[in-house]
Amino acid sequence: MYRRLRDVPIWPPRDVVHEFMPQCFKQEYPSTRIILDCTEIYIQTPSHFRVQSETNSSYKSHNTAKGLVGIAPNGFITLVTDLVSGRMSDKEITVKSGLIDGLDEQDSVMADRGFLIDEYLARKKVKLNIPPFLQGKEQLSVEEEDETRSIARLRIHVERVIERIKNFRLLQFVFPNSMATELNKIWVICCYLVNFTCKPIVGDNE
């Protein structure tokens, strides 16, 4: 099943993304091609010391495997990476995913603050929409606060999609070392099944 699903194309052309774009995106971020987020899956502490270090997530205080998920504005999953070690940064996993090669000029990408990929996107004339940083200021401006709220309101959809993925019971527990070679296959299958079995998470009128 894993191999068959991996052969199914899920990256849509830009005109298709725009055709099915909900109003909430058309009004505020109409050039959005993809919304990104990473998630981590708990794994049993590996026996090899080097792998222990590579998978030790400071964010989760546990050994984890990390995957990157991207959705179109309507909630359809358009990017699923293979799992990597939990210590890999959001920036690194995104760059290695090949996503940037698939973007078109004048697209935009929406993500959280950890996705510091603007320099890579700029080479393709793609904009990165992430919440503003304080950058030494005591507080955000009114405009920056509004932007933060707008992005958070739309970014929540990728979090809801990831929640659907992790509703599969196999991904809810600490994955044992005895099944380590199967984890990535299970992860990919669960992601694709969400696409094929669930209704779009964002309605046309939202």
C-alpha atoms as a PDB file:
ATOM      1  CA  MET A   1       0.000   0.000   0.000  1.00  0.00           C
ATOM      2  CA  TYR A   2       2.822   2.396   0.853  1.00  0.00           C
ATOM      3  CA  ARG A   3       4.410   2.177  -2.585  1.00  0.00           C
ATOM      4  CA  ARG A   4       1.097   2.536  -4.391  1.00  0.00           C
ATOM      5  CA  LEU A   5       0.092   5.579  -2.373  1.00  0.00           C
ATOM      6  CA  ARG A   6       3.494   7.225  -2.784  1.00  0.00           C
ATOM      7  CA  ASP A   7       2.978   6.996  -6.554  1.00  0.00           C
ATOM      8  CA  VAL A   8      -0.268   8.988  -6.341  1.00  0.00           C
ATOM      9  CA  PRO A   9       0.392  12.652  -7.288  1.00  0.00           C
ATOM     10  CA  ILE A  10      -0.934  15.077  -4.671  1.00  0.00           C
ATOM     11  CA  TRP A  11       0.793  18.317  -5.731  1.00  0.00           C
ATOM     12  CA  PRO A  12      -1.794  20.332  -7.708  1.00  0.00           C
ATOM     13  CA  PRO A  13      -1.094  23.067 -10.272  1.00  0.00           C
ATOM     14  CA  ARG A  14      -1.522  26.652  -9.096  1.00  0.00           C
ATOM     15  CA  ASP A  15      -4.741  27.198 -11.070  1.00  0.00           C
ATOM     16  CA  VAL A  16      -6.352  24.219  -9.337  1.00  0.00           C
ATOM     17  CA  VAL A  17      -5.321  25.534  -5.914  1.00  0.00           C
ATOM     18  CA  HIS A  18      -6.874  28.893  -6.753  1.00  0.00           C
ATOM     19  CA  GLU A  19     -10.046  27.346  -8.186  1.00  0.00           C
ATOM     20  CA  PHE A  20     -10.797  25.593  -4.897  1.00  0.00           C
ATOM     21  CA  MET A  21      -9.500  28.354  -2.617  1.00  0.00           C
ATOM     22  CA  PRO A  22     -11.916  29.276   0.217  1.00  0.00           C
ATOM     23  CA  GLN A  23     -13.037  32.874   0.599  1.00  0.00           C
ATOM     24  CA  CYS A  24     -11.060  33.363   3.807  1.00  0.00           C
ATOM     25  CA  PHE A  25      -7.835  32.958   1.833  1.00  0.00           C
ATOM     26  CA  LYS A  26      -8.997  34.820  -1.272  1.00  0.00           C
ATOM     27  CA  GLN A  27      -9.759  37.871   0.836  1.00  0.00           C
ATOM     28  CA  GLU A  28      -6.489  38.051   2.772  1.00  0.00           C
ATOM     29  CA  TYR A  29      -3.815  35.804   1.234  1.00  0.00           C
ATOM     30  CA  PRO A  30      -4.957  34.956  -2.314  1.00  0.00           C
ATOM     31  CA  SER A  31      -1.504  33.881  -3.527  1.00  0.00           C
ATOM     32  CA  THR A  32      -1.199  31.110  -0.913  1.00  0.00           C
ATOM     33  CA  ARG A  33      -0.005  27.883  -2.518  1.00  0.00           C
ATOM     34  CA  ILE A  34       0.672  25.859   0.618  1.00  0.00           C
ATOM     35  CA  ILE A  35       0.448  26.057   4.415  1.00  0.00           C
ATOM     36  CA  LEU A  36       3.210  24.212   6.267  1.00  0.00           C
ATOM     37  CA  ASP A  37       3.641  22.630   9.661  1.00  0.00           C
ATOM     38  CA  CYS A  38       5.776  19.920  11.223  1.00  0.00           C
ATOM     39  CA  THR A  39       4.699  17.315  13.713  1.00  0.00           C
ATOM     40  CA  GLU A  40       6.593  14.835  15.859  1.00  0.00           C
ATOM     41  CA  ILE A  41       5.893  11.204  16.702  1.00  0.00           C
ATOM     42  CA  TYR A  42       7.202   9.671  19.902  1.00  0.00           C
ATOM     43  CA  ILE A  43       9.609   6.791  19.425  1.00  0.00           C
ATOM     44  CA  GLN A  44      11.276   4.433  21.859  1.00  0.00           C
ATOM     45  CA  THR A  45      14.792   5.508  22.833  1.00  0.00           C
ATOM     46  CA  PRO A  46      17.093   4.007  20.180  1.00  0.00           C
ATOM     47  CA  SER A  47      19.834   1.656  21.371  1.00  0.00           C
ATOM     48  CA  HIS A  48      22.551   3.420  19.358  1.00  0.00           C
ATOM     49  CA  PHE A  49      23.920   6.514  21.120  1.00  0.00           C
ATOM     50  CA  ARG A  50      24.284   8.597  17.942  1.00  0.00           C
ATOM     51  CA  VAL A  51      20.687   7.915  16.926  1.00  0.00           C
ATOM     52  CA  GLN A  52      19.570   8.764  20.458  1.00  0.00           C
ATOM     53  CA  SER A  53      21.179  12.173  20.083  1.00  0.00           C
ATOM     54  CA  GLU A  54      19.778  12.783  16.597  1.00  0.00           C
ATOM     55  CA  THR A  55      16.220  11.939  17.605  1.00  0.00           C
ATOM     56  CA  ASN A  56      16.205  13.714  20.953  1.00  0.00           C
ATOM     57  CA  SER A  57      13.708  16.566  20.631  1.00  0.00           C
ATOM     58  CA  SER A  58      14.247  19.472  23.007  1.00  0.00           C
ATOM     59  CA  TYR A  59      10.736  20.664  22.181  1.00  0.00           C
ATOM     60  CA  LYS A  60       9.128  17.365  23.205  1.00  0.00           C
ATOM     61  CA  SER A  61      11.767  16.274  25.771  1.00  0.00           C
ATOM     62  CA  HIS A  62      11.595  12.842  24.171  1.00  0.00           C
ATOM     63  CA  ASN A  63      13.011  10.892  21.261  1.00  0.00           C
ATOM     64  CA  THR A  64      10.928  11.641  18.204  1.00  0.00           C
ATOM     65  CA  ALA A  65      10.631  11.343  14.455  1.00  0.00           C
ATOM     66  CA  LYS A  66       9.500  14.468  12.626  1.00  0.00           C
ATOM     67  CA  GLY A  67       7.432  14.890   9.479  1.00  0.00           C
ATOM     68  CA  LEU A  68       6.507  17.913   7.387  1.00  0.00           C
ATOM     69  CA  VAL A  69       2.950  18.311   6.125  1.00  0.00           C
ATOM     70  CA  GLY A  70       1.698  20.898   3.672  1.00  0.00           C
ATOM     71  CA  ILE A  71      -1.893  21.620   2.732  1.00  0.00           C
ATOM     72  CA  ALA A  72      -3.609  23.663   0.055  1.00  0.00           C
ATOM     73  CA  PRO A  73      -5.865  26.455   1.369  1.00  0.00           C
ATOM     74  CA  ASN A  74      -8.890  24.130   1.170  1.00  0.00           C
ATOM     75  CA  GLY A  75      -7.225  21.611   3.490  1.00  0.00           C
ATOM     76  CA  PHE A  76      -6.168  19.006   0.919  1.00  0.00           C
ATOM     77  CA  ILE A  77      -2.772  17.532   1.788  1.00  0.00           C
ATOM     78  CA  THR A  78      -0.327  18.429  -0.983  1.00  0.00           C
ATOM     79  CA  LEU A  79       3.000  17.597   0.680  1.00  0.00           C
ATOM     80  CA  VAL A  80       4.083  14.736   2.930  1.00  0.00           C
ATOM     81  CA  THR A  81       7.761  14.206   3.674  1.00  0.00           C
ATOM     82  CA  ASP A  82       9.341  11.033   4.902  1.00  0.00           C
ATOM     83  CA  LEU A  83      10.095  11.105   8.613  1.00  0.00           C
ATOM     84  CA  VAL A  84      13.413  12.509   9.789  1.00  0.00           C
ATOM     85  CA  SER A  85      15.114  12.758  13.162  1.00  0.00           C
ATOM     86  CA  GLY A  86      13.301  14.894  15.711  1.00  0.00           C
ATOM     87  CA  ARG A  87      16.203  17.330  16.082  1.00  0.00           C
ATOM     88  CA  MET A  88      16.094  18.478  12.464  1.00  0.00           C
ATOM     89  CA  SER A  89      14.887  22.072  12.188  1.00  0.00           C
ATOM     90  CA  ASP A  90      11.728  23.074  10.345  1.00  0.00           C
ATOM     91  CA  LYS A  91      13.915  25.058   7.963  1.00  0.00           C
ATOM     92  CA  GLU A  92      16.174  22.126   7.126  1.00  0.00           C
ATOM     93  CA  ILE A  93      13.389  19.631   6.579  1.00  0.00           C
ATOM     94  CA  THR A  94      11.572  22.092   4.306  1.00  0.00           C
ATOM     95  CA  VAL A  95      14.638  22.810   2.189  1.00  0.00           C
ATOM     96  CA  LYS A  96      15.407  19.092   1.850  1.00  0.00           C
ATOM     97  CA  SER A  97      11.798  18.251   0.950  1.00  0.00           C
ATOM     98  CA  GLY A  98      12.083  19.673  -2.563  1.00  0.00           C
ATOM     99  CA  LEU A  99       9.019  21.854  -1.993  1.00  0.00           C
ATOM    100  CA  ILE A 100      10.693  25.031  -3.190  1.00  0.00           C
ATOM    101  CA  ASP A 101      11.367  23.541  -6.631  1.00  0.00           C
ATOM    102  CA  GLY A 102       7.627  22.978  -7.082  1.00  0.00           C
ATOM    103  CA  LEU A 103       6.596  26.556  -6.328  1.00  0.00           C
ATOM    104  CA  ASP A 104       5.895  29.153  -8.992  1.00  0.00           C
ATOM    105  CA  GLU A 105       6.809  32.821  -9.131  1.00  0.00           C
ATOM    106  CA  GLN A 106       4.350  35.012  -7.183  1.00  0.00           C
ATOM    107  CA  ASP A 107       3.194  32.090  -5.000  1.00  0.00           C
ATOM    108  CA  SER A 108       3.220  32.536  -1.251  1.00  0.00           C
ATOM    109  CA  VAL A 109       3.838  30.081   1.573  1.00  0.00           C
ATOM    110  CA  MET A 110       2.204  30.335   4.996  1.00  0.00           C
ATOM    111  CA  ALA A 111       3.901  28.901   8.068  1.00  0.00           C
ATOM    112  CA  ASP A 112       4.834  29.479  11.696  1.00  0.00           C
ATOM    113  CA  ARG A 113       7.850  31.454  12.912  1.00  0.00           C
ATOM    114  CA  GLY A 114      10.146  28.413  12.898  1.00  0.00           C
ATOM    115  CA  PHE A 115      10.125  28.214   9.108  1.00  0.00           C
ATOM    116  CA  LEU A 116      12.956  30.625   8.351  1.00  0.00           C
ATOM    117  CA  ILE A 117      13.039  29.869   4.645  1.00  0.00           C
ATOM    118  CA  ASP A 118      12.501  33.351   3.222  1.00  0.00           C
ATOM    119  CA  GLU A 119      15.965  33.514   1.621  1.00  0.00           C
ATOM    120  CA  TYR A 120      15.278  30.308  -0.336  1.00  0.00           C
ATOM    121  CA  LEU A 121      11.794  31.401  -1.383  1.00  0.00           C
ATOM    122  CA  ALA A 122      13.014  34.825  -2.471  1.00  0.00           C
ATOM    123  CA  ARG A 123      15.187  33.196  -5.147  1.00  0.00           C
ATOM    124  CA  LYS A 124      11.976  32.042  -6.836  1.00  0.00           C
ATOM    125  CA  LYS A 125      10.122  35.281  -6.085  1.00  0.00           C
ATOM    126  CA  VAL A 126       7.881  33.479  -3.613  1.00  0.00           C
ATOM    127  CA  LYS A 127       6.684  35.270  -0.485  1.00  0.00           C
ATOM    128  CA  LEU A 128       6.774  33.802   3.026  1.00  0.00           C
ATOM    129  CA  ASN A 129       3.874  34.719   5.299  1.00  0.00           C
ATOM    130  CA  ILE A 130       4.763  34.055   8.942  1.00  0.00           C
ATOM    131  CA  PRO A 131       3.822  35.934  12.124  1.00  0.00           C
ATOM    132  CA  PRO A 132       6.003  39.041  12.631  1.00  0.00           C
ATOM    133  CA  PHE A 133       8.944  38.977  15.059  1.00  0.00           C
ATOM    134  CA  LEU A 134       9.526  41.571  17.765  1.00  0.00           C
ATOM    135  CA  GLN A 135      13.112  42.082  16.524  1.00  0.00           C
ATOM    136  CA  GLY A 136      14.179  44.114  19.541  1.00  0.00           C
ATOM    137  CA  LYS A 137      10.907  46.013  19.885  1.00  0.00           C
ATOM    138  CA  GLU A 138       8.948  45.969  23.132  1.00  0.00           C
ATOM    139  CA  GLN A 139       5.717  45.152  21.347  1.00  0.00           C
ATOM    140  CA  LEU A 140       4.262  44.622  17.904  1.00  0.00           C
ATOM    141  CA  SER A 141       2.568  47.427  16.034  1.00  0.00           C
ATOM    142  CA  VAL A 142      -1.201  47.355  15.564  1.00  0.00           C
ATOM    143  CA  GLU A 143      -0.707  46.227  11.962  1.00  0.00           C
ATOM    144  CA  GLU A 144       1.658  43.448  13.035  1.00  0.00           C
ATOM    145  CA  GLU A 145      -0.769  42.251  15.694  1.00  0.00           C
ATOM    146  CA  ASP A 146      -3.523  42.114  13.076  1.00  0.00           C
ATOM    147  CA  GLU A 147      -1.234  40.149  10.763  1.00  0.00           C
ATOM    148  CA  THR A 148      -0.363  37.724  13.564  1.00  0.00           C
ATOM    149  CA  ARG A 149      -4.038  37.066  14.244  1.00  0.00           C
ATOM    150  CA  SER A 150      -4.870  36.660  10.559  1.00  0.00           C
ATOM    151  CA  ILE A 151      -2.107  34.131   9.968  1.00  0.00           C
ATOM    152  CA  ALA A 152      -2.956  32.225  13.148  1.00  0.00           C
ATOM    153  CA  ARG A 153      -6.614  32.039  12.117  1.00  0.00           C
ATOM    154  CA  LEU A 154      -5.704  30.508   8.762  1.00  0.00           C
ATOM    155  CA  ARG A 155      -2.754  28.395   9.897  1.00  0.00           C
ATOM    156  CA  ILE A 156      -4.990  26.520  12.319  1.00  0.00           C
ATOM    157  CA  HIS A 157      -6.298  24.512   9.366  1.00  0.00           C
ATOM    158  CA  VAL A 158      -2.982  22.698   8.890  1.00  0.00           C
ATOM    159  CA  GLU A 159      -2.968  21.928  12.612  1.00  0.00           C
ATOM    160  CA  ARG A 160      -6.445  20.438  12.264  1.00  0.00           C
ATOM    161  CA  VAL A 161      -5.293  18.278   9.356  1.00  0.00           C
ATOM    162  CA  ILE A 162      -2.341  17.000  11.388  1.00  0.00           C
ATOM    163  CA  GLU A 163      -4.757  16.230  14.205  1.00  0.00           C
ATOM    164  CA  ARG A 164      -6.721  14.057  11.781  1.00  0.00           C
ATOM    165  CA  ILE A 165      -3.547  12.234  10.788  1.00  0.00           C
ATOM    166  CA  LYS A 166      -2.599  11.565  14.386  1.00  0.00           C
ATOM    167  CA  ASN A 167      -6.067  10.253  15.165  1.00  0.00           C
ATOM    168  CA  PHE A 168      -4.831   6.962  13.742  1.00  0.00           C
ATOM    169  CA  ARG A 169      -4.084   4.908  16.839  1.00  0.00           C
ATOM    170  CA  LEU A 170      -0.758   3.637  15.535  1.00  0.00           C
ATOM    171  CA  LEU A 171       0.579   7.199  15.761  1.00  0.00           C
ATOM    172  CA  GLN A 172      -0.746   7.899  19.240  1.00  0.00           C
ATOM    173  CA  PHE A 173       1.713   5.788  21.205  1.00  0.00           C
ATOM    174  CA  VAL A 174       5.466   5.550  21.627  1.00  0.00           C
ATOM    175  CA  PHE A 175       6.597   3.630  18.560  1.00  0.00           C
ATOM    176  CA  PRO A 176       8.750   0.609  19.537  1.00  0.00           C
ATOM    177  CA  ASN A 177      12.231  -0.022  18.187  1.00  0.00           C
ATOM    178  CA  SER A 178      11.089  -3.431  16.985  1.00  0.00           C
ATOM    179  CA  MET A 179       8.898  -1.694  14.379  1.00  0.00           C
ATOM    180  CA  ALA A 180      11.196   1.221  13.567  1.00  0.00           C
ATOM    181  CA  THR A 181      11.581   0.220   9.915  1.00  0.00           C
ATOM    182  CA  GLU A 182       7.803   0.368   9.446  1.00  0.00           C
ATOM    183  CA  LEU A 183       7.164   3.769  11.045  1.00  0.00           C
ATOM    184  CA  ASN A 184       7.730   5.880   7.949  1.00  0.00           C
ATOM    185  CA  LYS A 185       5.465   3.666   5.849  1.00  0.00           C
ATOM    186  CA  ILE A 186       2.713   3.901   8.453  1.00  0.00           C
ATOM    187  CA  TRP A 187       3.116   7.684   8.645  1.00  0.00           C
ATOM    188  CA  VAL A 188       2.805   8.139   4.886  1.00  0.00           C
ATOM    189  CA  ILE A 189      -0.167   5.778   4.619  1.00  0.00           C
ATOM    190  CA  CYS A 190      -2.015   7.628   7.390  1.00  0.00           C
ATOM    191  CA  CYS A 191      -1.415  10.984   5.688  1.00  0.00           C
ATOM    192  CA  TYR A 192      -2.713   9.763   2.344  1.00  0.00           C
ATOM    193  CA  LEU A 193      -5.728   8.074   3.920  1.00  0.00           C
ATOM    194  CA  VAL A 194      -6.761  11.402   5.440  1.00  0.00           C
ATOM    195  CA  ASN A 195      -6.846  12.849   1.924  1.00  0.00           C
ATOM    196  CA  PHE A 196      -8.934  10.023   0.542  1.00  0.00           C
ATOM    197  CA  THR A 197     -11.352   9.456   3.421  1.00  0.00           C
ATOM    198  CA  CYS A 198     -12.024  12.901   4.933  1.00  0.00           C
ATOM    199  CA  LYS A 199     -13.941  15.881   3.620  1.00  0.00           C
ATOM    200  CA  PRO A 200     -11.977  19.119   3.020  1.00  0.00           C
ATOM    201  CA  ILE A 201     -11.320  20.774   6.345  1.00  0.00           C
ATOM    202  CA  VAL A 202     -11.999  24.294   5.055  1.00  0.00           C
ATOM    203  CA  GLY A 203     -15.394  25.049   3.536  1.00  0.00           C
ATOM    204  CA  ASP A 204     -15.895  27.191   0.428  1.00  0.00           C
ATOM    205  CA  ASN A 205     -17.596  29.920   2.418  1.00  0.00           C
ATOM    206  CA  GLU A 206     -15.103  30.103   5.260  1.00  0.00           C
END
